[in-house]
N, C-alpha and C. Protein backbone atom coordinates (compact mmCIF):
# COMPACT_ATOMS: atom_id res chain seq x y z
N GLN A 1 -20.82 -13.11 7.31
CA GLN A 1 -19.57 -13.11 8.04
C GLN A 1 -18.71 -14.34 7.70
N ALA A 2 -19.34 -15.49 7.63
CA ALA A 2 -18.56 -16.71 7.37
C ALA A 2 -17.88 -16.64 6.02
N GLY A 3 -18.55 -16.05 5.03
CA GLY A 3 -17.94 -15.91 3.70
C GLY A 3 -16.71 -15.05 3.73
N GLN A 4 -16.73 -13.98 4.53
CA GLN A 4 -15.58 -13.09 4.62
C GLN A 4 -14.40 -13.78 5.29
N GLU A 5 -14.68 -14.61 6.27
CA GLU A 5 -13.59 -15.31 6.97
C GLU A 5 -12.92 -16.32 6.05
N ASP A 6 -13.68 -16.91 5.14
CA ASP A 6 -13.14 -17.90 4.21
C ASP A 6 -12.48 -17.27 2.99
N ALA A 7 -12.66 -15.98 2.79
CA ALA A 7 -12.19 -15.31 1.57
C ALA A 7 -10.70 -15.53 1.29
N PRO A 8 -9.80 -15.39 2.28
CA PRO A 8 -8.38 -15.62 1.97
C PRO A 8 -8.10 -17.04 1.48
N ARG A 9 -8.75 -18.03 2.11
CA ARG A 9 -8.54 -19.42 1.70
C ARG A 9 -9.08 -19.66 0.29
N VAL A 10 -10.27 -19.15 0.02
CA VAL A 10 -10.88 -19.33 -1.31
C VAL A 10 -10.00 -18.68 -2.37
N LEU A 11 -9.54 -17.46 -2.12
CA LEU A 11 -8.69 -16.76 -3.09
C LEU A 11 -7.37 -17.49 -3.30
N ALA A 12 -6.74 -17.95 -2.20
CA ALA A 12 -5.48 -18.68 -2.33
C ALA A 12 -5.68 -19.97 -3.12
N ASP A 13 -6.80 -20.65 -2.88
CA ASP A 13 -7.11 -21.87 -3.64
C ASP A 13 -7.25 -21.56 -5.14
N LEU A 14 -7.93 -20.46 -5.46
CA LEU A 14 -8.10 -20.06 -6.86
C LEU A 14 -6.77 -19.72 -7.52
N VAL A 15 -5.91 -19.01 -6.80
CA VAL A 15 -4.59 -18.65 -7.33
C VAL A 15 -3.79 -19.92 -7.60
N ALA A 16 -3.76 -20.83 -6.63
CA ALA A 16 -3.01 -22.08 -6.80
C ALA A 16 -3.56 -22.90 -7.96
N ARG A 17 -4.88 -23.01 -8.05
CA ARG A 17 -5.49 -23.77 -9.14
C ARG A 17 -5.18 -23.13 -10.49
N GLY A 18 -5.26 -21.79 -10.56
CA GLY A 18 -4.95 -21.09 -11.82
C GLY A 18 -3.51 -21.32 -12.25
N CYS A 19 -2.59 -21.31 -11.30
CA CYS A 19 -1.18 -21.56 -11.63
C CYS A 19 -0.97 -22.99 -12.11
N THR A 20 -1.63 -23.94 -11.44
CA THR A 20 -1.51 -25.35 -11.82
C THR A 20 -2.06 -25.58 -13.22
N GLU A 21 -3.24 -25.01 -13.51
CA GLU A 21 -3.85 -25.18 -14.83
C GLU A 21 -2.97 -24.62 -15.95
N ARG A 22 -2.18 -23.60 -15.65
CA ARG A 22 -1.32 -22.96 -16.65
C ARG A 22 0.11 -23.52 -16.63
N ASN A 23 0.35 -24.49 -15.76
CA ASN A 23 1.68 -25.07 -15.57
C ASN A 23 2.71 -24.02 -15.17
N TRP A 24 2.30 -23.08 -14.33
CA TRP A 24 3.22 -22.06 -13.84
C TRP A 24 3.84 -22.54 -12.53
N ALA A 25 5.14 -22.49 -12.46
CA ALA A 25 5.84 -22.81 -11.21
C ALA A 25 6.05 -21.50 -10.46
N ILE A 26 5.75 -21.50 -9.18
CA ILE A 26 5.91 -20.29 -8.38
C ILE A 26 7.25 -20.35 -7.68
N SER A 27 8.17 -19.49 -8.13
CA SER A 27 9.48 -19.46 -7.49
C SER A 27 9.54 -18.34 -6.44
N GLU A 28 8.91 -17.22 -6.73
CA GLU A 28 8.84 -16.11 -5.77
C GLU A 28 7.44 -15.51 -5.86
N ALA A 29 6.83 -15.32 -4.71
CA ALA A 29 5.48 -14.75 -4.68
C ALA A 29 5.51 -13.39 -4.00
N PHE A 30 4.81 -12.45 -4.59
CA PHE A 30 4.63 -11.12 -4.04
C PHE A 30 3.14 -10.91 -3.84
N VAL A 31 2.75 -10.33 -2.73
CA VAL A 31 1.34 -10.09 -2.44
C VAL A 31 1.12 -8.59 -2.32
N ALA A 32 0.13 -8.10 -3.06
CA ALA A 32 -0.27 -6.69 -2.97
C ALA A 32 -1.63 -6.65 -2.29
N LEU A 33 -1.69 -6.06 -1.10
CA LEU A 33 -2.93 -5.99 -0.33
C LEU A 33 -3.82 -4.87 -0.86
N ASP A 34 -5.08 -5.17 -1.04
CA ASP A 34 -6.07 -4.20 -1.46
C ASP A 34 -6.17 -3.08 -0.42
N CYS A 35 -6.37 -1.85 -0.86
CA CYS A 35 -6.39 -0.73 0.06
C CYS A 35 -7.54 -0.80 1.06
N ALA A 36 -8.53 -1.64 0.83
CA ALA A 36 -9.61 -1.81 1.80
C ALA A 36 -9.13 -2.58 3.03
N ILE A 37 -8.00 -3.26 2.92
CA ILE A 37 -7.49 -4.10 4.02
C ILE A 37 -6.59 -3.31 4.96
N PHE A 38 -5.91 -2.30 4.47
CA PHE A 38 -4.96 -1.57 5.31
C PHE A 38 -5.36 -0.11 5.48
N MET A 39 -4.72 0.53 6.43
CA MET A 39 -4.89 1.98 6.64
C MET A 39 -3.55 2.64 6.34
N GLN A 40 -3.62 3.82 5.75
CA GLN A 40 -2.40 4.57 5.43
C GLN A 40 -2.36 5.81 6.32
N HIS A 41 -1.18 6.11 6.86
CA HIS A 41 -1.00 7.25 7.76
C HIS A 41 0.24 8.04 7.34
N SER A 42 0.16 9.35 7.46
CA SER A 42 1.34 10.19 7.28
C SER A 42 1.95 10.39 8.66
N VAL A 43 3.21 10.02 8.79
CA VAL A 43 3.87 10.05 10.09
C VAL A 43 5.22 10.73 9.94
N HIS A 44 5.60 11.54 10.93
CA HIS A 44 6.93 12.14 10.94
C HIS A 44 7.78 11.42 11.98
N SER A 45 8.98 11.04 11.59
CA SER A 45 9.95 10.44 12.50
C SER A 45 11.10 11.43 12.65
N GLU A 46 11.61 11.54 13.83
CA GLU A 46 12.74 12.43 14.05
C GLU A 46 14.05 11.82 13.57
N LEU A 47 13.98 10.60 13.07
CA LEU A 47 15.17 9.87 12.64
C LEU A 47 15.31 9.90 11.12
N GLY A 48 16.53 9.62 10.63
CA GLY A 48 16.78 9.59 9.20
C GLY A 48 17.28 8.25 8.71
N ASP A 49 17.82 7.44 9.61
CA ASP A 49 18.36 6.14 9.25
C ASP A 49 17.25 5.10 9.20
N ILE A 50 17.18 4.35 8.11
CA ILE A 50 16.07 3.41 7.91
C ILE A 50 16.01 2.34 9.00
N LYS A 51 17.15 1.88 9.49
CA LYS A 51 17.15 0.87 10.55
C LYS A 51 16.61 1.45 11.85
N GLN A 52 16.98 2.69 12.15
CA GLN A 52 16.46 3.33 13.36
C GLN A 52 14.96 3.58 13.23
N ILE A 53 14.53 4.01 12.04
CA ILE A 53 13.10 4.24 11.81
C ILE A 53 12.33 2.94 12.00
N ALA A 54 12.84 1.85 11.43
CA ALA A 54 12.17 0.54 11.53
C ALA A 54 12.02 0.12 12.99
N ALA A 55 13.00 0.46 13.81
CA ALA A 55 12.96 0.08 15.22
C ALA A 55 11.96 0.91 16.03
N THR A 56 11.60 2.09 15.55
CA THR A 56 10.76 2.99 16.34
C THR A 56 9.45 3.38 15.68
N VAL A 57 9.21 2.94 14.45
CA VAL A 57 8.04 3.42 13.70
C VAL A 57 6.73 3.07 14.39
N LYS A 58 6.65 1.94 15.06
CA LYS A 58 5.41 1.57 15.74
C LYS A 58 5.05 2.59 16.83
N PHE A 59 6.06 3.10 17.55
CA PHE A 59 5.79 4.11 18.57
C PHE A 59 5.30 5.40 17.94
N ASP A 60 5.90 5.78 16.80
CA ASP A 60 5.48 6.99 16.10
C ASP A 60 4.04 6.87 15.59
N VAL A 61 3.70 5.70 15.06
CA VAL A 61 2.34 5.48 14.55
C VAL A 61 1.35 5.50 15.71
N GLU A 62 1.68 4.84 16.79
CA GLU A 62 0.80 4.79 17.94
C GLU A 62 0.50 6.19 18.46
N GLU A 63 1.50 7.05 18.42
CA GLU A 63 1.34 8.43 18.85
C GLU A 63 0.38 9.19 17.92
N VAL A 64 0.48 8.95 16.62
CA VAL A 64 -0.35 9.64 15.63
C VAL A 64 -1.79 9.17 15.68
N ILE A 65 -2.01 7.86 15.74
CA ILE A 65 -3.38 7.35 15.68
C ILE A 65 -3.99 7.14 17.07
N THR A 66 -3.22 7.38 18.11
CA THR A 66 -3.66 7.26 19.51
C THR A 66 -4.42 5.96 19.78
N THR A 67 -3.88 4.88 19.28
CA THR A 67 -4.45 3.56 19.47
C THR A 67 -3.32 2.57 19.72
N ASP A 68 -3.58 1.59 20.56
CA ASP A 68 -2.61 0.52 20.78
C ASP A 68 -2.50 -0.28 19.49
N ILE A 69 -1.31 -0.36 18.93
CA ILE A 69 -1.15 -1.05 17.64
C ILE A 69 -0.51 -2.43 17.78
N SER A 70 -0.57 -2.99 18.98
CA SER A 70 0.04 -4.31 19.17
C SER A 70 -0.62 -5.39 18.31
N ASN A 71 -1.85 -5.18 17.88
CA ASN A 71 -2.53 -6.15 17.03
C ASN A 71 -2.45 -5.81 15.55
N PHE A 72 -1.51 -4.94 15.19
CA PHE A 72 -1.36 -4.51 13.80
C PHE A 72 0.04 -4.81 13.30
N ALA A 73 0.13 -5.13 12.03
CA ALA A 73 1.42 -5.21 11.34
C ALA A 73 1.65 -3.83 10.72
N VAL A 74 2.90 -3.40 10.69
CA VAL A 74 3.22 -2.05 10.23
C VAL A 74 4.32 -2.12 9.17
N ALA A 75 4.11 -1.39 8.08
CA ALA A 75 5.13 -1.23 7.05
C ALA A 75 5.21 0.26 6.74
N PHE A 76 6.35 0.71 6.21
CA PHE A 76 6.48 2.13 5.92
C PHE A 76 7.32 2.37 4.68
N HIS A 77 7.16 3.56 4.15
CA HIS A 77 7.91 4.03 3.00
C HIS A 77 8.40 5.43 3.36
N ILE A 78 9.69 5.70 3.19
CA ILE A 78 10.22 7.04 3.47
C ILE A 78 9.87 7.94 2.29
N VAL A 79 9.10 8.98 2.57
CA VAL A 79 8.68 9.92 1.53
C VAL A 79 9.75 10.97 1.31
N SER A 80 10.27 11.53 2.42
CA SER A 80 11.33 12.54 2.32
C SER A 80 12.11 12.58 3.62
N THR A 81 13.33 13.06 3.52
CA THR A 81 14.20 13.20 4.69
C THR A 81 14.86 14.56 4.65
N ASP A 82 14.92 15.22 5.79
CA ASP A 82 15.65 16.48 5.91
C ASP A 82 16.26 16.55 7.31
N GLN A 83 16.73 17.72 7.71
CA GLN A 83 17.41 17.85 9.00
C GLN A 83 16.48 17.60 10.19
N SER A 84 15.16 17.70 9.99
CA SER A 84 14.22 17.46 11.09
C SER A 84 13.82 16.00 11.22
N GLY A 85 14.24 15.17 10.28
CA GLY A 85 13.89 13.75 10.33
C GLY A 85 13.34 13.27 9.01
N SER A 86 12.38 12.35 9.09
CA SER A 86 11.82 11.74 7.88
C SER A 86 10.29 11.79 7.91
N ASN A 87 9.73 12.06 6.75
CA ASN A 87 8.28 11.95 6.58
C ASN A 87 8.01 10.58 5.99
N LEU A 88 7.06 9.88 6.59
CA LEU A 88 6.81 8.50 6.22
C LEU A 88 5.37 8.29 5.76
N ALA A 89 5.18 7.40 4.82
CA ALA A 89 3.87 6.84 4.52
C ALA A 89 3.87 5.51 5.25
N VAL A 90 3.00 5.37 6.24
CA VAL A 90 2.97 4.18 7.07
C VAL A 90 1.66 3.43 6.79
N PHE A 91 1.78 2.12 6.65
CA PHE A 91 0.64 1.28 6.35
C PHE A 91 0.44 0.30 7.49
N THR A 92 -0.79 0.21 7.99
CA THR A 92 -1.09 -0.72 9.07
C THR A 92 -2.20 -1.68 8.62
N VAL A 93 -2.09 -2.92 9.06
CA VAL A 93 -3.10 -3.94 8.77
C VAL A 93 -3.24 -4.80 10.02
N GLN A 94 -4.46 -5.23 10.31
CA GLN A 94 -4.67 -6.09 11.46
C GLN A 94 -3.90 -7.39 11.28
N ARG A 95 -3.18 -7.78 12.32
CA ARG A 95 -2.35 -8.99 12.24
C ARG A 95 -3.16 -10.23 11.86
N LYS A 96 -4.37 -10.36 12.38
CA LYS A 96 -5.18 -11.54 12.08
C LYS A 96 -5.50 -11.61 10.60
N ILE A 97 -5.84 -10.50 9.99
CA ILE A 97 -6.15 -10.50 8.56
C ILE A 97 -4.92 -10.91 7.77
N LEU A 98 -3.78 -10.31 8.09
CA LEU A 98 -2.54 -10.65 7.39
C LEU A 98 -2.17 -12.11 7.61
N SER A 99 -2.31 -12.57 8.83
CA SER A 99 -2.01 -13.97 9.14
C SER A 99 -2.91 -14.91 8.37
N ASP A 100 -4.21 -14.60 8.29
CA ASP A 100 -5.13 -15.45 7.53
C ASP A 100 -4.73 -15.54 6.06
N ILE A 101 -4.33 -14.42 5.49
CA ILE A 101 -3.91 -14.39 4.09
C ILE A 101 -2.65 -15.24 3.89
N LEU A 102 -1.67 -15.03 4.75
CA LEU A 102 -0.41 -15.77 4.62
C LEU A 102 -0.60 -17.27 4.84
N LEU A 103 -1.39 -17.65 5.84
CA LEU A 103 -1.64 -19.07 6.10
C LEU A 103 -2.38 -19.73 4.94
N ALA A 104 -3.33 -19.00 4.36
CA ALA A 104 -4.07 -19.54 3.21
C ALA A 104 -3.14 -19.77 2.03
N LEU A 105 -2.26 -18.81 1.77
CA LEU A 105 -1.31 -18.97 0.66
C LEU A 105 -0.34 -20.12 0.95
N GLN A 106 0.20 -20.15 2.17
CA GLN A 106 1.16 -21.20 2.52
C GLN A 106 0.54 -22.59 2.48
N SER A 107 -0.75 -22.69 2.76
CA SER A 107 -1.41 -24.01 2.68
C SER A 107 -1.49 -24.49 1.23
N ASN A 108 -1.27 -23.59 0.28
CA ASN A 108 -1.23 -23.93 -1.15
C ASN A 108 0.20 -23.88 -1.69
N ASN A 109 1.18 -24.01 -0.79
CA ASN A 109 2.60 -23.99 -1.15
C ASN A 109 3.03 -22.70 -1.83
N ILE A 110 2.41 -21.60 -1.45
CA ILE A 110 2.80 -20.27 -1.92
C ILE A 110 3.28 -19.50 -0.69
N ASP A 111 4.56 -19.18 -0.67
CA ASP A 111 5.15 -18.50 0.48
C ASP A 111 5.68 -17.14 0.03
N PRO A 112 4.90 -16.08 0.21
CA PRO A 112 5.32 -14.77 -0.29
C PRO A 112 6.61 -14.26 0.36
N ILE A 113 7.45 -13.65 -0.47
CA ILE A 113 8.66 -13.03 0.06
C ILE A 113 8.43 -11.54 0.31
N VAL A 114 7.37 -10.99 -0.29
CA VAL A 114 7.02 -9.59 -0.10
C VAL A 114 5.50 -9.48 0.05
N VAL A 115 5.07 -8.71 1.03
CA VAL A 115 3.68 -8.34 1.20
C VAL A 115 3.67 -6.82 1.31
N GLU A 116 2.92 -6.18 0.42
CA GLU A 116 2.92 -4.72 0.41
C GLU A 116 1.55 -4.19 0.01
N PRO A 117 1.29 -2.91 0.29
CA PRO A 117 0.04 -2.30 -0.15
C PRO A 117 -0.02 -2.24 -1.68
N ASP A 118 -1.23 -2.35 -2.21
CA ASP A 118 -1.39 -2.31 -3.66
C ASP A 118 -0.86 -1.02 -4.27
N VAL A 119 -0.97 0.08 -3.55
CA VAL A 119 -0.48 1.35 -4.10
C VAL A 119 1.04 1.33 -4.26
N SER A 120 1.74 0.58 -3.44
CA SER A 120 3.19 0.46 -3.60
C SER A 120 3.53 -0.28 -4.88
N SER A 121 2.81 -1.36 -5.16
CA SER A 121 3.02 -2.11 -6.40
C SER A 121 2.71 -1.24 -7.62
N LEU A 122 1.59 -0.52 -7.56
CA LEU A 122 1.22 0.35 -8.67
C LEU A 122 2.25 1.46 -8.87
N SER A 123 2.74 2.02 -7.79
CA SER A 123 3.75 3.09 -7.88
C SER A 123 5.03 2.58 -8.54
N ARG A 124 5.44 1.38 -8.15
CA ARG A 124 6.65 0.80 -8.74
C ARG A 124 6.43 0.53 -10.23
N PHE A 125 5.25 0.04 -10.59
CA PHE A 125 4.93 -0.20 -11.99
C PHE A 125 5.01 1.09 -12.80
N VAL A 126 4.43 2.16 -12.27
CA VAL A 126 4.46 3.46 -12.97
C VAL A 126 5.89 3.95 -13.11
N SER A 127 6.67 3.87 -12.03
CA SER A 127 8.04 4.40 -12.09
C SER A 127 8.92 3.63 -13.07
N LYS A 128 8.61 2.35 -13.30
CA LYS A 128 9.42 1.56 -14.23
C LYS A 128 8.90 1.56 -15.66
N ASN A 129 7.61 1.88 -15.86
CA ASN A 129 7.01 1.72 -17.18
C ASN A 129 6.44 2.98 -17.81
N VAL A 130 6.41 4.07 -17.07
CA VAL A 130 5.86 5.31 -17.61
C VAL A 130 6.96 6.36 -17.61
N VAL A 131 7.15 7.02 -18.74
CA VAL A 131 8.14 8.09 -18.83
C VAL A 131 7.49 9.37 -18.31
N LEU A 132 8.01 9.86 -17.19
CA LEU A 132 7.49 11.08 -16.58
C LEU A 132 8.43 12.24 -16.90
N PRO A 133 7.90 13.44 -17.06
CA PRO A 133 8.77 14.58 -17.38
C PRO A 133 9.77 14.86 -16.25
N GLU A 134 11.01 15.08 -16.63
CA GLU A 134 12.06 15.35 -15.63
C GLU A 134 11.88 16.74 -15.04
N GLY A 135 12.13 16.84 -13.74
CA GLY A 135 12.08 18.14 -13.08
C GLY A 135 10.69 18.66 -12.82
N ALA A 136 9.66 17.89 -13.13
CA ALA A 136 8.29 18.33 -12.93
C ALA A 136 7.61 17.46 -11.88
N ILE A 137 6.58 18.00 -11.27
CA ILE A 137 5.75 17.21 -10.38
C ILE A 137 4.70 16.51 -11.23
N SER A 138 4.67 15.19 -11.15
CA SER A 138 3.72 14.41 -11.94
C SER A 138 2.72 13.74 -11.01
N LEU A 139 1.46 13.88 -11.31
CA LEU A 139 0.39 13.25 -10.55
C LEU A 139 -0.23 12.16 -11.43
N VAL A 140 -0.15 10.93 -10.97
CA VAL A 140 -0.68 9.80 -11.73
C VAL A 140 -1.89 9.26 -10.95
N GLY A 141 -3.02 9.14 -11.65
CA GLY A 141 -4.23 8.63 -11.03
C GLY A 141 -4.66 7.34 -11.68
N MET A 142 -5.23 6.43 -10.88
CA MET A 142 -5.68 5.14 -11.37
C MET A 142 -6.94 4.74 -10.63
N PHE A 143 -7.82 4.04 -11.34
CA PHE A 143 -9.02 3.46 -10.75
C PHE A 143 -8.97 1.96 -10.88
N SER A 144 -9.53 1.28 -9.91
CA SER A 144 -9.85 -0.14 -10.06
C SER A 144 -11.34 -0.26 -9.74
N GLY A 145 -11.83 -1.43 -9.51
CA GLY A 145 -13.26 -1.62 -9.29
C GLY A 145 -13.85 -0.69 -8.24
N CYS A 146 -13.34 -0.74 -7.03
CA CYS A 146 -13.87 0.07 -5.93
C CYS A 146 -12.82 0.98 -5.32
N ASN A 147 -11.64 1.06 -5.90
CA ASN A 147 -10.54 1.83 -5.33
C ASN A 147 -10.04 2.88 -6.31
N ALA A 148 -9.46 3.93 -5.76
CA ALA A 148 -8.79 4.93 -6.58
C ALA A 148 -7.42 5.18 -5.96
N TYR A 149 -6.47 5.53 -6.80
CA TYR A 149 -5.09 5.71 -6.36
C TYR A 149 -4.55 7.01 -6.96
N LEU A 150 -3.82 7.76 -6.16
CA LEU A 150 -3.10 8.93 -6.63
C LEU A 150 -1.65 8.79 -6.19
N VAL A 151 -0.75 8.94 -7.13
CA VAL A 151 0.67 8.83 -6.82
C VAL A 151 1.36 10.07 -7.38
N VAL A 152 2.15 10.73 -6.54
CA VAL A 152 2.85 11.95 -6.94
C VAL A 152 4.34 11.64 -7.02
N PHE A 153 4.93 11.99 -8.16
CA PHE A 153 6.37 11.88 -8.37
C PHE A 153 6.92 13.29 -8.50
N THR A 154 8.01 13.58 -7.80
CA THR A 154 8.62 14.91 -7.87
C THR A 154 10.00 14.86 -8.50
N GLY A 155 10.14 14.06 -9.52
CA GLY A 155 11.42 13.95 -10.22
C GLY A 155 12.26 12.78 -9.77
N ALA A 156 11.99 12.25 -8.58
CA ALA A 156 12.74 11.09 -8.10
C ALA A 156 12.09 9.83 -8.65
N GLU A 157 12.84 8.74 -8.62
CA GLU A 157 12.31 7.46 -9.11
C GLU A 157 11.20 6.95 -8.20
N ARG A 158 11.33 7.23 -6.91
CA ARG A 158 10.32 6.78 -5.96
C ARG A 158 9.26 7.86 -5.79
N PRO A 159 8.04 7.47 -5.49
CA PRO A 159 6.98 8.46 -5.33
C PRO A 159 7.18 9.31 -4.08
N SER A 160 6.72 10.55 -4.16
CA SER A 160 6.78 11.45 -3.02
C SER A 160 5.53 11.35 -2.16
N LEU A 161 4.45 10.90 -2.78
CA LEU A 161 3.19 10.77 -2.05
C LEU A 161 2.37 9.68 -2.72
N MET A 162 1.78 8.81 -1.90
CA MET A 162 0.90 7.77 -2.40
C MET A 162 -0.39 7.86 -1.61
N ARG A 163 -1.52 7.89 -2.31
CA ARG A 163 -2.82 7.94 -1.63
C ARG A 163 -3.74 6.89 -2.24
N THR A 164 -4.53 6.29 -1.38
CA THR A 164 -5.55 5.36 -1.84
C THR A 164 -6.85 5.76 -1.16
N PHE A 165 -7.94 5.52 -1.84
CA PHE A 165 -9.24 5.75 -1.21
C PHE A 165 -10.28 4.87 -1.90
N LEU A 166 -11.29 4.53 -1.12
CA LEU A 166 -12.36 3.68 -1.63
C LEU A 166 -13.36 4.52 -2.40
N VAL A 167 -13.92 3.94 -3.45
CA VAL A 167 -14.92 4.60 -4.27
C VAL A 167 -16.16 3.72 -4.27
N ARG A 168 -17.24 4.25 -3.74
CA ARG A 168 -18.50 3.48 -3.76
C ARG A 168 -18.99 3.38 -5.19
N GLN A 169 -19.61 2.28 -5.51
CA GLN A 169 -20.12 2.06 -6.87
C GLN A 169 -21.10 3.14 -7.29
N ALA A 170 -21.94 3.60 -6.36
CA ALA A 170 -22.99 4.56 -6.72
C ALA A 170 -22.48 6.00 -6.80
N SER A 171 -21.30 6.27 -6.26
CA SER A 171 -20.83 7.64 -6.23
C SER A 171 -20.34 8.09 -7.62
N ASN A 172 -20.34 9.38 -7.81
CA ASN A 172 -19.83 9.93 -9.07
C ASN A 172 -18.31 9.90 -8.99
N ARG A 173 -17.72 8.94 -9.64
CA ARG A 173 -16.27 8.72 -9.56
C ARG A 173 -15.48 9.93 -10.04
N ASN A 174 -15.94 10.58 -11.09
CA ASN A 174 -15.20 11.73 -11.63
C ASN A 174 -15.17 12.89 -10.64
N ASP A 175 -16.32 13.19 -10.01
CA ASP A 175 -16.36 14.28 -9.03
C ASP A 175 -15.47 13.97 -7.83
N LEU A 176 -15.56 12.73 -7.33
CA LEU A 176 -14.74 12.33 -6.20
C LEU A 176 -13.26 12.41 -6.55
N PHE A 177 -12.91 11.91 -7.72
CA PHE A 177 -11.52 11.92 -8.14
C PHE A 177 -11.00 13.35 -8.27
N ALA A 178 -11.81 14.25 -8.86
CA ALA A 178 -11.41 15.66 -9.00
C ALA A 178 -11.17 16.30 -7.63
N LYS A 179 -12.04 16.01 -6.67
CA LYS A 179 -11.88 16.54 -5.31
C LYS A 179 -10.58 16.04 -4.69
N GLU A 180 -10.32 14.75 -4.83
CA GLU A 180 -9.11 14.16 -4.24
C GLU A 180 -7.85 14.68 -4.93
N VAL A 181 -7.92 14.93 -6.24
CA VAL A 181 -6.78 15.51 -6.95
C VAL A 181 -6.46 16.88 -6.38
N HIS A 182 -7.48 17.71 -6.16
CA HIS A 182 -7.26 19.04 -5.60
C HIS A 182 -6.68 18.96 -4.19
N MET A 183 -7.16 18.03 -3.39
CA MET A 183 -6.62 17.86 -2.05
C MET A 183 -5.16 17.41 -2.10
N THR A 184 -4.86 16.55 -3.03
CA THR A 184 -3.48 16.06 -3.17
C THR A 184 -2.56 17.17 -3.64
N LYS A 185 -3.01 17.94 -4.62
CA LYS A 185 -2.20 19.06 -5.14
C LYS A 185 -1.94 20.09 -4.05
N ALA A 186 -2.90 20.29 -3.15
CA ALA A 186 -2.75 21.28 -2.06
C ALA A 186 -1.59 20.92 -1.14
N ARG A 187 -1.29 19.64 -1.02
CA ARG A 187 -0.18 19.22 -0.15
C ARG A 187 1.18 19.66 -0.72
N PHE A 188 1.20 19.99 -2.02
CA PHE A 188 2.46 20.41 -2.65
C PHE A 188 2.49 21.90 -2.96
N ALA A 189 1.49 22.64 -2.51
CA ALA A 189 1.43 24.09 -2.80
C ALA A 189 2.33 24.86 -1.88
């Protein structure tokens, strides 16, 4: 347990030391949270305006997960909007975990201007660096050490669906990935 509590500080120290050793000056810092740290929820809001959604998204999430979210930080991405409102990908993380990460970074003179889920960073990377066929639904899959990511683009620059899931080291990654691909494709059938 003690090792896990120190993890943000140790990681922030390593990042700062690595930057110093390379003579890198940090002008803007962005943090991508590992999918093991946050939870992702599909939420419908009856609103379409981003400012109105931001003001009410916590109530919508609380209704979906039936849990008091006062101890959670909440971020969201608008997946689609129509006359009934907006479909959202909502990400929640315990405030203490996020606070520990931010305090550890700030103690090393790193003050992030953006904190987002890793799948958001990966989605942005794909949308800017991969040429996807126009007018087609594209499913992009990625693995990291213990995580898998599926991102669906439906012709727009922004993803229509982002999914993350943990992959145990001992599990058959290919079988799990194939199952998750079929589940993801079913959402667009």
